[in-house]
Amino acid sequence: MVEKLSALHLQAGRSVRSAKSLTTGLTHRQIIFMLRLSLAIVFVWFGALKLIDSSPAVQLIRQSFPLFAASPYLELLELAEMLIGAGLIFDRLSKYAALLLVLHLIGTLSVVLVSPATIFAPAFPVLTMEGEFILKNVVLIVAGLAVARGQT
């Protein structure tokens, strides 16, 4: 038993060293830039899909907030997402864009309060596909906070 634990401990140590080697040579600033760039791609892409009327999220908006799924609100949402994405690319604007990203995504979490049946089925804690889509925004919120805080 002690030998098995010792072998697991050695494997865990190797895994940690391997993970550290992935970031060797990358500065904090470079990692934050890569995070900003990845968030920018996601937001520009999501906004562009709404712009060309190809976003599956529009159906979720219609179910939860019918008013916002109509003009001009949907166009404003498209524009906001694309501007957040563009702002994340530029160092001078990234902190503000990240804060807008966080506010935007906190708004998306309100679906849990407004339309819980859309998020949970048959009941809490079982998530629907839409629920998984919304829940991942928690991770994006924390990434936005890291970008807002990560400025040097």
Protein backbone atom coordinates (compact mmCIF):
# COMPACT_ATOMS: atom_id res chain seq x y z
CA MET A 1 0.00 0.00 0.00
CA VAL A 2 2.82 2.39 0.88
CA GLU A 3 4.55 1.54 -2.41
CA LYS A 4 1.38 2.36 -4.39
CA LEU A 5 1.00 5.70 -2.60
CA SER A 6 4.66 6.47 -3.22
CA ALA A 7 4.27 5.67 -6.94
CA LEU A 8 1.16 7.90 -7.15
CA HIS A 9 3.06 10.70 -5.40
CA LEU A 10 5.89 10.42 -7.95
CA GLN A 11 3.42 10.48 -10.86
CA ALA A 12 1.68 13.54 -9.42
CA GLY A 13 5.04 15.30 -9.08
CA ARG A 14 5.86 14.57 -12.73
CA SER A 15 2.46 15.88 -13.82
CA VAL A 16 2.98 19.15 -11.94
CA ARG A 17 6.43 19.58 -13.50
CA SER A 18 4.94 18.90 -16.96
CA ALA A 19 2.23 21.50 -16.40
CA LYS A 20 4.84 24.03 -15.26
CA SER A 21 6.91 23.36 -18.39
CA LEU A 22 3.94 24.35 -20.55
CA THR A 23 4.10 27.88 -19.19
CA THR A 24 7.88 28.13 -19.02
CA GLY A 25 8.93 31.18 -20.95
CA LEU A 26 5.48 32.77 -20.92
CA THR A 27 5.14 35.92 -18.90
CA HIS A 28 2.05 36.91 -16.96
CA ARG A 29 1.46 39.63 -19.52
CA GLN A 30 1.59 37.14 -22.41
CA ILE A 31 -0.84 34.80 -20.71
CA ILE A 32 -3.30 37.64 -20.03
CA PHE A 33 -2.97 38.72 -23.68
CA MET A 34 -3.80 35.17 -24.83
CA LEU A 35 -6.81 35.18 -22.49
CA ARG A 36 -7.91 38.55 -23.89
CA LEU A 37 -7.50 37.31 -27.44
CA SER A 38 -9.47 34.11 -26.82
CA LEU A 39 -12.30 36.05 -25.17
CA ALA A 40 -12.24 38.55 -28.04
CA ILE A 41 -12.64 35.76 -30.59
CA VAL A 42 -15.58 34.31 -28.67
CA PHE A 43 -17.37 37.65 -28.33
CA VAL A 44 -16.82 38.81 -31.90
CA TRP A 45 -17.93 35.40 -33.15
CA PHE A 46 -21.07 35.31 -31.00
CA GLY A 47 -21.98 38.87 -32.03
CA ALA A 48 -21.36 38.11 -35.71
CA LEU A 49 -23.57 35.01 -35.55
CA LYS A 50 -26.40 37.15 -34.20
CA LEU A 51 -25.74 39.72 -36.91
CA ILE A 52 -26.23 37.15 -39.68
CA ASP A 53 -29.19 35.57 -37.85
CA SER A 54 -27.38 32.27 -37.25
CA SER A 55 -27.01 32.27 -33.47
CA PRO A 56 -28.69 29.49 -31.50
CA ALA A 57 -28.64 31.89 -28.52
CA VAL A 58 -31.39 33.99 -30.11
CA GLN A 59 -33.90 31.20 -29.40
CA LEU A 60 -32.84 31.24 -25.74
CA ILE A 61 -33.30 35.03 -25.68
CA ARG A 62 -36.76 34.63 -27.24
CA GLN A 63 -37.75 32.10 -24.57
CA SER A 64 -36.42 34.12 -21.65
CA PHE A 65 -36.63 37.77 -22.70
CA PRO A 66 -38.94 38.05 -25.74
CA LEU A 67 -38.66 41.84 -25.80
CA PHE A 68 -34.87 41.68 -26.24
CA ALA A 69 -35.13 39.23 -29.15
CA ALA A 70 -36.64 41.96 -31.32
CA SER A 71 -35.26 45.03 -33.03
CA PRO A 72 -33.48 47.24 -31.94
CA TYR A 73 -32.42 45.29 -28.83
CA LEU A 74 -31.02 42.32 -30.69
CA GLU A 75 -28.92 44.63 -32.87
CA LEU A 76 -27.66 46.43 -29.77
CA LEU A 77 -26.70 43.08 -28.26
CA GLU A 78 -24.83 42.14 -31.45
CA LEU A 79 -23.01 45.44 -31.46
CA ALA A 80 -22.19 45.25 -27.75
CA GLU A 81 -20.71 41.75 -28.07
CA MET A 82 -18.61 42.74 -31.07
CA LEU A 83 -17.42 45.93 -29.36
CA ILE A 84 -16.49 44.00 -26.22
CA GLY A 85 -14.51 41.59 -28.39
CA ALA A 86 -12.77 44.39 -30.27
CA GLY A 87 -12.02 46.25 -27.02
CA LEU A 88 -10.34 43.18 -25.55
CA ILE A 89 -7.78 43.18 -28.35
CA PHE A 90 -6.46 46.64 -27.55
CA ASP A 91 -4.42 46.97 -24.37
CA ARG A 92 -5.74 50.45 -23.54
CA LEU A 93 -9.38 49.35 -23.83
CA SER A 94 -9.13 45.81 -22.51
CA LYS A 95 -9.83 46.62 -18.85
CA TYR A 96 -13.05 48.47 -19.73
CA ALA A 97 -14.07 45.82 -22.25
CA ALA A 98 -13.48 43.11 -19.63
CA LEU A 99 -15.67 44.93 -17.13
CA LEU A 100 -18.42 45.27 -19.76
CA LEU A 101 -18.00 41.57 -20.52
CA VAL A 102 -18.56 40.74 -16.84
CA LEU A 103 -21.68 42.91 -16.65
CA HIS A 104 -23.03 41.45 -19.89
CA LEU A 105 -22.53 37.88 -18.67
CA ILE A 106 -24.02 38.57 -15.26
CA GLY A 107 -27.09 39.68 -17.20
CA THR A 108 -27.17 36.35 -19.02
CA LEU A 109 -27.21 34.53 -15.68
CA SER A 110 -30.53 36.23 -14.90
CA VAL A 111 -32.16 33.58 -17.12
CA VAL A 112 -31.86 31.27 -14.11
CA LEU A 113 -34.24 33.57 -12.21
CA VAL A 114 -36.51 34.56 -15.09
CA SER A 115 -36.89 31.18 -16.76
CA PRO A 116 -35.63 28.34 -14.54
CA ALA A 117 -37.52 25.72 -16.59
CA THR A 118 -35.34 26.67 -19.55
CA ILE A 119 -32.20 25.95 -17.52
CA PHE A 120 -33.23 22.96 -15.40
CA ALA A 121 -35.16 19.91 -16.64
CA PRO A 122 -36.79 17.97 -15.26
CA ALA A 123 -35.69 19.90 -12.14
CA PHE A 124 -32.65 21.37 -10.37
CA PRO A 125 -29.79 20.32 -10.52
CA VAL A 126 -30.21 18.64 -13.94
CA LEU A 127 -29.21 21.08 -16.68
CA THR A 128 -30.68 21.42 -20.14
CA MET A 129 -28.43 22.21 -23.11
CA GLU A 130 -29.36 25.86 -22.59
CA GLY A 131 -28.48 25.51 -18.92
CA GLU A 132 -25.01 24.27 -19.81
CA PHE A 133 -24.65 27.18 -22.24
CA ILE A 134 -25.57 29.64 -19.48
CA LEU A 135 -23.50 27.94 -16.77
CA LYS A 136 -20.29 28.22 -18.80
CA ASN A 137 -20.69 31.97 -18.47
CA VAL A 138 -19.52 31.65 -14.85
CA VAL A 139 -16.10 30.64 -16.22
CA LEU A 140 -16.15 33.49 -18.74
CA ILE A 141 -17.01 35.95 -15.95
CA VAL A 142 -13.99 34.86 -13.95
CA ALA A 143 -11.83 35.09 -17.10
CA GLY A 144 -13.13 38.64 -17.60
CA LEU A 145 -12.25 39.49 -14.01
CA ALA A 146 -8.75 38.06 -14.54
CA VAL A 147 -8.31 40.26 -17.61
CA ALA A 148 -9.60 43.35 -15.79
CA ARG A 149 -7.24 42.66 -12.89
CA GLY A 150 -4.35 41.34 -14.95
CA GLN A 151 -3.25 44.65 -16.42
CA THR A 152 0.34 45.64 -15.73
